[in-house]
Amino acid sequence: MLLALAGALAADAFAVALCQGAVARPGFRGAVRIGAAFGAAQALMPLIGWATGIAFASAIRNVDHWLVFGLLGALGLKTLKEGLSESESDCRTLSGWTLLGAAVATSIDAAAAGITLPSLGTHVVLACAVIGGVTLGLCAAGVFLGAAGGQKLGKKAEIIGGLALLLIGTKVLVEHVFFGG
């Protein structure tokens, strides 16, 4: 479940990495730099979301499963909509502050997902490390795929990521409502 969540959260960063590979063709060091930027942001943001959720834990305890379902469902629908849209991506070379901005922008959904981590039954620090590591690996690979002409894969990655987020949110809700999970 954690790997599915990590992959789903990494989908939009992967799409940007494909784009970077197609436009900038940054080579091995550039691919690692891009992967590390996105991976670090994706690892940090769930921690921020989790801390926010802890601050309000007593207030949301009775509705946490609905919150998980709502947050992951909304993120999934947004990601799915972006993947199904006909618009072309605004692909330009990212470096420095623009790379940092893109990394943070694509990881906002990870902050929202961080609120849901305790209900998924996983250790938060481990989850953040896995989310960051999966994102780093996918983004570095995405740069190479993009350079090889795989920019169209970005839309498919967003569709798969959106569906995965929807399924995870639904699973949490069904387990809690019907099976007392």
N, C-alpha and C. Protein backbone atom coordinates (compact mmCIF):
# COMPACT_ATOMS: atom_id res chain seq x y z
N MET A 1 0.83 -1.19 0.00
CA MET A 1 0.00 0.00 0.00
C MET A 1 0.88 1.25 0.00
N LEU A 2 1.95 1.25 0.80
CA LEU A 2 2.83 2.40 0.88
C LEU A 2 3.50 2.68 -0.47
N LEU A 3 3.93 1.63 -1.15
CA LEU A 3 4.56 1.82 -2.46
C LEU A 3 3.57 2.37 -3.48
N ALA A 4 2.32 1.92 -3.40
CA ALA A 4 1.28 2.44 -4.30
C ALA A 4 1.05 3.93 -4.03
N LEU A 5 0.98 4.29 -2.75
CA LEU A 5 0.81 5.70 -2.39
C LEU A 5 2.00 6.51 -2.88
N ALA A 6 3.20 6.01 -2.66
CA ALA A 6 4.42 6.73 -3.08
C ALA A 6 4.42 6.93 -4.60
N GLY A 7 4.09 5.89 -5.33
CA GLY A 7 4.04 6.00 -6.79
C GLY A 7 2.98 6.98 -7.26
N ALA A 8 1.83 6.94 -6.62
CA ALA A 8 0.75 7.85 -6.99
C ALA A 8 1.13 9.30 -6.71
N LEU A 9 1.74 9.54 -5.56
CA LEU A 9 2.16 10.90 -5.22
C LEU A 9 3.27 11.39 -6.13
N ALA A 10 4.08 10.49 -6.64
CA ALA A 10 5.20 10.87 -7.50
C ALA A 10 4.79 11.10 -8.95
N ALA A 11 3.54 10.80 -9.30
CA ALA A 11 3.12 10.84 -10.70
C ALA A 11 3.32 12.20 -11.36
N ASP A 12 2.93 13.27 -10.69
CA ASP A 12 3.08 14.58 -11.34
C ASP A 12 4.54 15.01 -11.39
N ALA A 13 5.33 14.66 -10.39
CA ALA A 13 6.77 14.96 -10.44
C ALA A 13 7.43 14.16 -11.56
N PHE A 14 7.00 12.92 -11.75
CA PHE A 14 7.50 12.08 -12.83
C PHE A 14 7.20 12.72 -14.19
N ALA A 15 5.98 13.25 -14.32
CA ALA A 15 5.61 13.91 -15.58
C ALA A 15 6.51 15.11 -15.86
N VAL A 16 6.82 15.89 -14.82
CA VAL A 16 7.72 17.03 -14.99
C VAL A 16 9.13 16.54 -15.35
N ALA A 17 9.57 15.46 -14.73
CA ALA A 17 10.89 14.91 -15.02
C ALA A 17 10.98 14.42 -16.47
N LEU A 18 9.91 13.79 -16.96
CA LEU A 18 9.89 13.39 -18.37
C LEU A 18 10.07 14.61 -19.26
N CYS A 19 9.36 15.66 -18.91
CA CYS A 19 9.43 16.90 -19.67
C CYS A 19 10.85 17.47 -19.64
N GLN A 20 11.47 17.44 -18.48
CA GLN A 20 12.84 17.95 -18.35
C GLN A 20 13.80 17.16 -19.22
N GLY A 21 13.63 15.85 -19.24
CA GLY A 21 14.48 15.03 -20.07
C GLY A 21 14.31 15.34 -21.55
N ALA A 22 13.05 15.59 -21.94
CA ALA A 22 12.77 15.87 -23.35
C ALA A 22 13.31 17.23 -23.78
N VAL A 23 13.26 18.22 -22.89
CA VAL A 23 13.66 19.58 -23.28
C VAL A 23 15.13 19.85 -22.98
N ALA A 24 15.56 19.51 -21.79
CA ALA A 24 16.90 19.90 -21.34
C ALA A 24 17.97 18.84 -21.59
N ARG A 25 17.58 17.57 -21.62
CA ARG A 25 18.53 16.47 -21.77
C ARG A 25 19.75 16.66 -20.86
N PRO A 26 19.50 16.69 -19.53
CA PRO A 26 20.55 17.09 -18.59
C PRO A 26 21.63 16.06 -18.28
N GLY A 27 21.55 14.83 -18.74
CA GLY A 27 22.57 13.84 -18.45
C GLY A 27 22.39 13.23 -17.06
N PHE A 28 23.34 12.37 -16.68
CA PHE A 28 23.23 11.62 -15.43
C PHE A 28 23.18 12.53 -14.20
N ARG A 29 24.13 13.46 -14.09
CA ARG A 29 24.16 14.35 -12.91
C ARG A 29 22.89 15.20 -12.83
N GLY A 30 22.43 15.68 -13.97
CA GLY A 30 21.20 16.46 -14.00
C GLY A 30 19.99 15.64 -13.61
N ALA A 31 19.95 14.39 -14.06
CA ALA A 31 18.83 13.50 -13.72
C ALA A 31 18.80 13.24 -12.21
N VAL A 32 19.97 13.02 -11.62
CA VAL A 32 20.05 12.80 -10.17
C VAL A 32 19.66 14.08 -9.43
N ARG A 33 20.11 15.24 -9.91
CA ARG A 33 19.77 16.52 -9.27
C ARG A 33 18.25 16.76 -9.32
N ILE A 34 17.65 16.51 -10.45
CA ILE A 34 16.20 16.69 -10.60
C ILE A 34 15.46 15.69 -9.71
N GLY A 35 15.90 14.43 -9.73
CA GLY A 35 15.28 13.41 -8.88
C GLY A 35 15.42 13.74 -7.40
N ALA A 36 16.58 14.24 -7.00
CA ALA A 36 16.81 14.59 -5.60
C ALA A 36 15.95 15.77 -5.16
N ALA A 37 15.78 16.75 -6.03
CA ALA A 37 14.94 17.91 -5.68
C ALA A 37 13.50 17.48 -5.46
N PHE A 38 12.97 16.70 -6.39
CA PHE A 38 11.59 16.24 -6.26
C PHE A 38 11.45 15.25 -5.10
N GLY A 39 12.43 14.36 -4.95
CA GLY A 39 12.38 13.38 -3.87
C GLY A 39 12.42 14.03 -2.49
N ALA A 40 13.27 15.05 -2.33
CA ALA A 40 13.37 15.73 -1.03
C ALA A 40 12.06 16.44 -0.69
N ALA A 41 11.47 17.11 -1.68
CA ALA A 41 10.21 17.81 -1.43
C ALA A 41 9.10 16.80 -1.11
N GLN A 42 9.07 15.69 -1.84
CA GLN A 42 8.03 14.68 -1.60
C GLN A 42 8.23 13.97 -0.26
N ALA A 43 9.45 13.91 0.24
CA ALA A 43 9.71 13.31 1.55
C ALA A 43 9.35 14.26 2.69
N LEU A 44 9.61 15.53 2.50
CA LEU A 44 9.37 16.52 3.56
C LEU A 44 7.88 16.87 3.71
N MET A 45 7.19 17.00 2.62
CA MET A 45 5.80 17.47 2.69
C MET A 45 4.86 16.54 3.46
N PRO A 46 4.95 15.21 3.34
CA PRO A 46 4.07 14.37 4.16
C PRO A 46 4.33 14.54 5.65
N LEU A 47 5.58 14.81 6.00
CA LEU A 47 5.93 15.05 7.40
C LEU A 47 5.22 16.30 7.91
N ILE A 48 5.18 17.33 7.09
CA ILE A 48 4.47 18.56 7.45
C ILE A 48 2.97 18.28 7.59
N GLY A 49 2.42 17.53 6.64
CA GLY A 49 1.01 17.17 6.71
C GLY A 49 0.69 16.33 7.93
N TRP A 50 1.55 15.37 8.24
CA TRP A 50 1.36 14.52 9.41
C TRP A 50 1.37 15.35 10.69
N ALA A 51 2.33 16.28 10.80
CA ALA A 51 2.42 17.13 11.99
C ALA A 51 1.16 17.98 12.14
N THR A 52 0.65 18.47 11.04
CA THR A 52 -0.59 19.24 11.08
C THR A 52 -1.74 18.36 11.54
N GLY A 53 -1.80 17.14 11.03
CA GLY A 53 -2.85 16.21 11.43
C GLY A 53 -2.78 15.85 12.91
N ILE A 54 -1.57 15.69 13.43
CA ILE A 54 -1.38 15.37 14.85
C ILE A 54 -1.91 16.52 15.72
N ALA A 55 -1.68 17.74 15.26
CA ALA A 55 -2.13 18.90 16.02
C ALA A 55 -3.65 18.91 16.19
N PHE A 56 -4.33 18.32 15.21
CA PHE A 56 -5.80 18.32 15.24
C PHE A 56 -6.37 16.91 15.42
N ALA A 57 -5.56 15.96 15.89
CA ALA A 57 -5.96 14.55 15.96
C ALA A 57 -7.22 14.33 16.78
N SER A 58 -7.31 14.94 17.94
CA SER A 58 -8.48 14.68 18.78
C SER A 58 -9.76 15.22 18.14
N ALA A 59 -9.65 16.28 17.38
CA ALA A 59 -10.83 16.86 16.73
C ALA A 59 -11.30 16.03 15.53
N ILE A 60 -10.40 15.29 14.90
CA ILE A 60 -10.78 14.57 13.68
C ILE A 60 -10.86 13.05 13.85
N ARG A 61 -10.61 12.56 15.05
CA ARG A 61 -10.53 11.11 15.29
C ARG A 61 -11.76 10.35 14.78
N ASN A 62 -12.96 10.88 14.99
CA ASN A 62 -14.18 10.17 14.60
C ASN A 62 -14.49 10.25 13.11
N VAL A 63 -13.82 11.13 12.41
CA VAL A 63 -14.08 11.27 10.99
C VAL A 63 -12.81 11.10 10.14
N ASP A 64 -11.76 10.57 10.74
CA ASP A 64 -10.50 10.48 10.02
C ASP A 64 -10.60 9.67 8.73
N HIS A 65 -11.39 8.60 8.75
CA HIS A 65 -11.53 7.78 7.55
C HIS A 65 -12.21 8.56 6.42
N TRP A 66 -13.16 9.42 6.77
CA TRP A 66 -13.79 10.26 5.76
C TRP A 66 -12.82 11.32 5.27
N LEU A 67 -11.98 11.82 6.16
CA LEU A 67 -10.97 12.81 5.78
C LEU A 67 -9.96 12.18 4.81
N VAL A 68 -9.51 10.98 5.11
CA VAL A 68 -8.60 10.26 4.22
C VAL A 68 -9.25 10.08 2.85
N PHE A 69 -10.48 9.59 2.87
CA PHE A 69 -11.21 9.37 1.62
C PHE A 69 -11.37 10.67 0.83
N GLY A 70 -11.74 11.74 1.53
CA GLY A 70 -11.93 13.03 0.86
C GLY A 70 -10.65 13.62 0.30
N LEU A 71 -9.60 13.61 1.11
CA LEU A 71 -8.32 14.17 0.66
C LEU A 71 -7.71 13.37 -0.50
N LEU A 72 -7.60 12.05 -0.31
CA LEU A 72 -7.01 11.24 -1.38
C LEU A 72 -7.91 11.20 -2.60
N GLY A 73 -9.22 11.21 -2.38
CA GLY A 73 -10.16 11.25 -3.51
C GLY A 73 -10.03 12.53 -4.30
N ALA A 74 -9.96 13.66 -3.61
CA ALA A 74 -9.81 14.95 -4.29
C ALA A 74 -8.48 15.03 -5.04
N LEU A 75 -7.41 14.57 -4.38
CA LEU A 75 -6.10 14.56 -5.03
C LEU A 75 -6.10 13.63 -6.25
N GLY A 76 -6.74 12.49 -6.09
CA GLY A 76 -6.82 11.54 -7.20
C GLY A 76 -7.59 12.10 -8.38
N LEU A 77 -8.73 12.74 -8.09
CA LEU A 77 -9.53 13.34 -9.17
C LEU A 77 -8.77 14.46 -9.87
N LYS A 78 -8.06 15.27 -9.08
CA LYS A 78 -7.27 16.36 -9.67
C LYS A 78 -6.17 15.81 -10.58
N THR A 79 -5.46 14.80 -10.10
CA THR A 79 -4.39 14.19 -10.87
C THR A 79 -4.94 13.51 -12.12
N LEU A 80 -6.07 12.81 -11.96
CA LEU A 80 -6.71 12.15 -13.09
C LEU A 80 -7.16 13.17 -14.13
N LYS A 81 -7.75 14.27 -13.69
CA LYS A 81 -8.20 15.33 -14.59
C LYS A 81 -7.03 15.90 -15.39
N GLU A 82 -5.91 16.15 -14.71
CA GLU A 82 -4.72 16.67 -15.39
C GLU A 82 -4.20 15.67 -16.42
N GLY A 83 -4.25 14.39 -16.08
CA GLY A 83 -3.79 13.36 -17.01
C GLY A 83 -4.69 13.21 -18.23
N LEU A 84 -5.99 13.46 -18.03
CA LEU A 84 -6.94 13.32 -19.14
C LEU A 84 -7.12 14.60 -19.95
N SER A 85 -6.58 15.71 -19.46
CA SER A 85 -6.75 16.98 -20.18
C SER A 85 -6.00 16.95 -21.50
N GLU A 86 -6.53 17.69 -22.45
CA GLU A 86 -5.93 17.76 -23.78
C GLU A 86 -4.78 18.76 -23.85
N SER A 87 -4.65 19.59 -22.82
CA SER A 87 -3.64 20.65 -22.88
C SER A 87 -2.23 20.07 -22.85
N GLU A 88 -1.39 20.70 -23.60
CA GLU A 88 0.02 20.32 -23.61
C GLU A 88 0.68 20.88 -22.36
N SER A 89 1.68 20.18 -21.88
CA SER A 89 2.37 20.68 -20.70
C SER A 89 3.23 21.88 -21.08
N ASP A 90 3.37 22.79 -20.13
CA ASP A 90 4.21 23.97 -20.32
C ASP A 90 5.62 23.56 -19.91
N CYS A 91 6.33 22.98 -20.84
CA CYS A 91 7.62 22.39 -20.52
C CYS A 91 8.75 23.35 -20.83
N ARG A 92 9.50 23.69 -19.79
CA ARG A 92 10.69 24.53 -19.96
C ARG A 92 11.75 24.02 -19.01
N THR A 93 12.97 24.38 -19.28
CA THR A 93 14.08 23.91 -18.47
C THR A 93 14.00 24.50 -17.06
N LEU A 94 14.15 23.65 -16.06
CA LEU A 94 14.10 24.06 -14.66
C LEU A 94 15.48 23.94 -14.03
N SER A 95 15.85 24.96 -13.27
CA SER A 95 17.08 24.89 -12.49
C SER A 95 16.98 25.89 -11.35
N GLY A 96 17.80 25.71 -10.35
CA GLY A 96 17.83 26.64 -9.22
C GLY A 96 16.47 26.81 -8.56
N TRP A 97 16.06 28.07 -8.43
CA TRP A 97 14.81 28.39 -7.74
C TRP A 97 13.58 27.87 -8.47
N THR A 98 13.63 27.83 -9.81
CA THR A 98 12.47 27.32 -10.54
C THR A 98 12.32 25.81 -10.33
N LEU A 99 13.43 25.10 -10.21
CA LEU A 99 13.37 23.67 -9.91
C LEU A 99 12.82 23.46 -8.50
N LEU A 100 13.28 24.24 -7.56
CA LEU A 100 12.77 24.15 -6.19
C LEU A 100 11.27 24.46 -6.15
N GLY A 101 10.86 25.50 -6.86
CA GLY A 101 9.44 25.85 -6.91
C GLY A 101 8.60 24.73 -7.51
N ALA A 102 9.09 24.11 -8.58
CA ALA A 102 8.36 23.00 -9.21
C ALA A 102 8.30 21.80 -8.27
N ALA A 103 9.39 21.54 -7.55
CA ALA A 103 9.41 20.42 -6.61
C ALA A 103 8.40 20.63 -5.48
N VAL A 104 8.34 21.84 -4.96
CA VAL A 104 7.37 22.13 -3.89
C VAL A 104 5.94 22.08 -4.44
N ALA A 105 5.73 22.66 -5.62
CA ALA A 105 4.39 22.69 -6.21
C ALA A 105 3.85 21.28 -6.47
N THR A 106 4.71 20.38 -6.94
CA THR A 106 4.24 19.02 -7.21
C THR A 106 4.13 18.17 -5.96
N SER A 107 4.59 18.69 -4.82
CA SER A 107 4.52 17.90 -3.59
C SER A 107 3.47 18.40 -2.61
N ILE A 108 2.69 19.40 -3.00
CA ILE A 108 1.62 19.88 -2.12
C ILE A 108 0.65 18.74 -1.79
N ASP A 109 0.34 17.91 -2.78
CA ASP A 109 -0.56 16.79 -2.53
C ASP A 109 0.03 15.82 -1.51
N ALA A 110 1.35 15.72 -1.45
CA ALA A 110 2.00 14.85 -0.46
C ALA A 110 1.78 15.37 0.95
N ALA A 111 1.68 16.69 1.12
CA ALA A 111 1.38 17.24 2.44
C ALA A 111 -0.01 16.83 2.88
N ALA A 112 -0.95 16.92 1.96
CA ALA A 112 -2.32 16.49 2.28
C ALA A 112 -2.35 15.00 2.58
N ALA A 113 -1.62 14.22 1.81
CA ALA A 113 -1.57 12.78 2.05
C ALA A 113 -0.90 12.46 3.38
N GLY A 114 0.02 13.31 3.81
CA GLY A 114 0.70 13.10 5.09
C GLY A 114 -0.26 13.05 6.27
N ILE A 115 -1.34 13.78 6.17
CA ILE A 115 -2.36 13.75 7.22
C ILE A 115 -2.94 12.35 7.35
N THR A 116 -2.96 11.61 6.25
CA THR A 116 -3.59 10.29 6.24
C THR A 116 -2.65 9.16 6.66
N LEU A 117 -1.36 9.42 6.79
CA LEU A 117 -0.39 8.34 7.04
C LEU A 117 -0.71 7.50 8.28
N PRO A 118 -1.08 8.06 9.43
CA PRO A 118 -1.37 7.20 10.58
C PRO A 118 -2.51 6.21 10.33
N SER A 119 -3.49 6.61 9.54
CA SER A 119 -4.61 5.70 9.29
C SER A 119 -4.23 4.59 8.31
N LEU A 120 -3.10 4.71 7.65
CA LEU A 120 -2.65 3.67 6.73
C LEU A 120 -1.79 2.62 7.45
N GLY A 121 -1.55 2.84 8.74
CA GLY A 121 -0.84 1.85 9.55
C GLY A 121 0.64 1.72 9.21
N THR A 122 1.27 2.83 8.93
CA THR A 122 2.70 2.79 8.60
C THR A 122 3.44 3.81 9.45
N HIS A 123 4.70 3.55 9.74
CA HIS A 123 5.51 4.49 10.50
C HIS A 123 5.77 5.72 9.64
N VAL A 124 5.56 6.89 10.18
CA VAL A 124 5.60 8.13 9.41
C VAL A 124 6.97 8.40 8.79
N VAL A 125 8.03 8.24 9.56
CA VAL A 125 9.37 8.52 9.02
C VAL A 125 9.71 7.54 7.90
N LEU A 126 9.36 6.27 8.08
CA LEU A 126 9.58 5.28 7.03
C LEU A 126 8.76 5.65 5.79
N ALA A 127 7.51 6.03 5.99
CA ALA A 127 6.66 6.41 4.86
C ALA A 127 7.25 7.60 4.11
N CYS A 128 7.71 8.59 4.82
CA CYS A 128 8.31 9.77 4.18
C CYS A 128 9.56 9.38 3.39
N ALA A 129 10.38 8.50 3.97
CA ALA A 129 11.59 8.05 3.28
C ALA A 129 11.25 7.26 2.02
N VAL A 130 10.24 6.40 2.11
CA VAL A 130 9.84 5.61 0.94
C VAL A 130 9.25 6.53 -0.14
N ILE A 131 8.39 7.46 0.25
CA ILE A 131 7.81 8.40 -0.72
C ILE A 131 8.90 9.21 -1.40
N GLY A 132 9.86 9.71 -0.63
CA GLY A 132 10.97 10.47 -1.21
C GLY A 132 11.85 9.63 -2.09
N GLY A 133 12.16 8.42 -1.65
CA GLY A 133 13.03 7.53 -2.43
C GLY A 133 12.39 7.09 -3.74
N VAL A 134 11.11 6.74 -3.67
CA VAL A 134 10.40 6.35 -4.89
C VAL A 134 10.35 7.52 -5.86
N THR A 135 10.07 8.71 -5.35
CA THR A 135 10.02 9.89 -6.20
C THR A 135 11.38 10.17 -6.83
N LEU A 136 12.44 10.11 -6.04
CA LEU A 136 13.79 10.32 -6.57
C LEU A 136 14.06 9.34 -7.71
N GLY A 137 13.81 8.07 -7.47
CA GLY A 137 14.08 7.06 -8.48
C GLY A 137 13.24 7.23 -9.74
N LEU A 138 11.94 7.47 -9.56
CA LEU A 138 11.06 7.65 -10.72
C LEU A 138 11.42 8.90 -11.51
N CYS A 139 11.75 9.97 -10.80
CA CYS A 139 12.08 11.22 -11.50
C CYS A 139 13.41 11.11 -12.25
N ALA A 140 14.41 10.49 -11.65
CA ALA A 140 15.68 10.31 -12.35
C ALA A 140 15.47 9.45 -13.59
N ALA A 141 14.69 8.38 -13.45
CA ALA A 141 14.38 7.53 -14.61
C ALA A 141 13.55 8.30 -15.63
N GLY A 142 12.64 9.14 -15.13
CA GLY A 142 11.81 9.94 -16.02
C GLY A 142 12.61 10.89 -16.89
N VAL A 143 13.67 11.44 -16.35
CA VAL A 143 14.54 12.33 -17.13
C VAL A 143 15.12 11.55 -18.32
N PHE A 144 15.58 10.33 -18.06
CA PHE A 144 16.16 9.52 -19.14
C PHE A 144 15.10 9.10 -20.16
N LEU A 145 13.92 8.73 -19.66
CA LEU A 145 12.83 8.36 -20.58
C LEU A 145 12.42 9.56 -21.44
N GLY A 146 12.35 10.72 -20.81
CA GLY A 146 11.99 11.93 -21.56
C GLY A 146 13.00 12.24 -22.64
N ALA A 147 14.27 12.07 -22.31
CA ALA A 147 15.34 12.31 -23.29
C ALA A 147 15.24 11.32 -24.45
N ALA A 148 14.71 10.14 -24.16
CA ALA A 148 14.57 9.13 -25.20
C ALA A 148 13.27 9.30 -25.99
N GLY A 149 12.54 10.37 -25.73
CA GLY A 149 11.31 10.64 -26.48
C GLY A 149 10.05 10.19 -25.81
N GLY A 150 10.07 10.03 -24.50
CA GLY A 150 8.91 9.52 -23.79
C GLY A 150 8.05 10.56 -23.11
N GLN A 151 8.01 11.79 -23.59
CA GLN A 151 7.24 12.84 -22.92
C GLN A 151 5.76 12.49 -22.83
N LYS A 152 5.21 11.75 -23.77
CA LYS A 152 3.79 11.37 -23.76
C LYS A 152 3.45 10.47 -22.58
N LEU A 153 4.46 9.80 -22.02
CA LEU A 153 4.21 8.95 -20.86
C LEU A 153 3.73 9.75 -19.66
N GLY A 154 4.03 11.04 -19.63
CA GLY A 154 3.65 11.89 -18.49
C GLY A 154 2.15 11.87 -18.23
N LYS A 155 1.33 11.97 -19.26
CA LYS A 155 -0.13 11.95 -19.12
C LYS A 155 -0.59 10.60 -18.57
N LYS A 156 -0.01 9.52 -19.07
CA LYS A 156 -0.39 8.19 -18.59
C LYS A 156 0.00 8.01 -17.13
N ALA A 157 1.15 8.54 -16.73
CA ALA A 157 1.58 8.45 -15.33
C ALA A 157 0.60 9.19 -14.43
N GLU A 158 0.13 10.35 -14.87
CA GLU A 158 -0.84 11.10 -14.07
C GLU A 158 -2.16 10.34 -13.95
N ILE A 159 -2.60 9.71 -15.02
CA ILE A 159 -3.85 8.93 -14.97
C ILE A 159 -3.72 7.78 -13.98
N ILE A 160 -2.62 7.04 -14.07
CA ILE A 160 -2.39 5.91 -13.17
C ILE A 160 -2.27 6.40 -11.73
N GLY A 161 -1.55 7.49 -11.51
CA GLY A 161 -1.41 8.05 -10.16
C GLY A 161 -2.75 8.48 -9.59
N GLY A 162 -3.57 9.14 -10.40
CA GLY A 162 -4.89 9.58 -9.95
C GLY A 162 -5.78 8.40 -9.56
N LEU A 163 -5.78 7.37 -10.39
CA LEU A 163 -6.57 6.18 -10.08
C LEU A 163 -6.07 5.50 -8.80
N ALA A 164 -4.76 5.44 -8.62
CA ALA A 164 -4.20 4.82 -7.41
C ALA A 164 -4.62 5.59 -6.16
N LEU A 165 -4.58 6.92 -6.20
CA LEU A 165 -5.00 7.71 -5.04
C LEU A 165 -6.47 7.48 -4.73
N LEU A 166 -7.31 7.44 -5.76
CA LEU A 166 -8.74 7.17 -5.56
C LEU A 166 -8.95 5.80 -4.92
N LEU A 167 -8.23 4.80 -5.40
CA LEU A 167 -8.38 3.44 -4.86
C LEU A 167 -7.91 3.34 -3.41
N ILE A 168 -6.81 3.99 -3.09
CA ILE A 168 -6.31 3.94 -1.71
C ILE A 168 -7.30 4.61 -0.76
N GLY A 169 -7.81 5.79 -1.14
CA GLY A 169 -8.80 6.48 -0.31
C GLY A 169 -10.05 5.65 -0.11
N THR A 170 -10.53 5.02 -1.17
CA THR A 170 -11.72 4.17 -1.09
C THR A 170 -11.46 2.96 -0.21
N LYS A 171 -10.29 2.36 -0.33
CA LYS A 171 -9.93 1.20 0.49
C LYS A 171 -9.96 1.55 1.98
N VAL A 172 -9.39 2.68 2.35
CA VAL A 172 -9.39 3.11 3.75
C VAL A 172 -10.81 3.29 4.26
N LEU A 173 -11.65 3.94 3.47
CA LEU A 173 -13.04 4.17 3.87
C LEU A 173 -13.79 2.84 4.01
N VAL A 174 -13.68 1.97 3.04
CA VAL A 174 -14.39 0.68 3.08
C VAL A 174 -13.92 -0.16 4.26
N GLU A 175 -12.62 -0.21 4.50
CA GLU A 175 -12.10 -0.97 5.64
C GLU A 175 -12.65 -0.45 6.95
N HIS A 176 -12.71 0.87 7.10
CA HIS A 176 -13.17 1.46 8.36
C HIS A 176 -14.68 1.28 8.55
N VAL A 177 -15.45 1.59 7.51
CA VAL A 177 -16.91 1.57 7.62
C VAL A 177 -17.45 0.14 7.71
N PHE A 178 -16.91 -0.77 6.88
CA PHE A 178 -17.48 -2.10 6.79
C PHE A 178 -16.74 -3.15 7.61
N PHE A 179 -15.49 -2.92 7.91
CA PHE A 179 -14.71 -3.94 8.60
C PHE A 179 -14.10 -3.44 9.91
N GLY A 180 -14.48 -2.25 10.35
CA GLY A 180 -14.02 -1.72 11.62
C GLY A 180 -12.55 -1.41 11.67
N GLY A 181 -11.91 -1.25 10.50
CA GLY A 181 -10.47 -1.01 10.41
C GLY A 181 -10.14 0.34 10.83
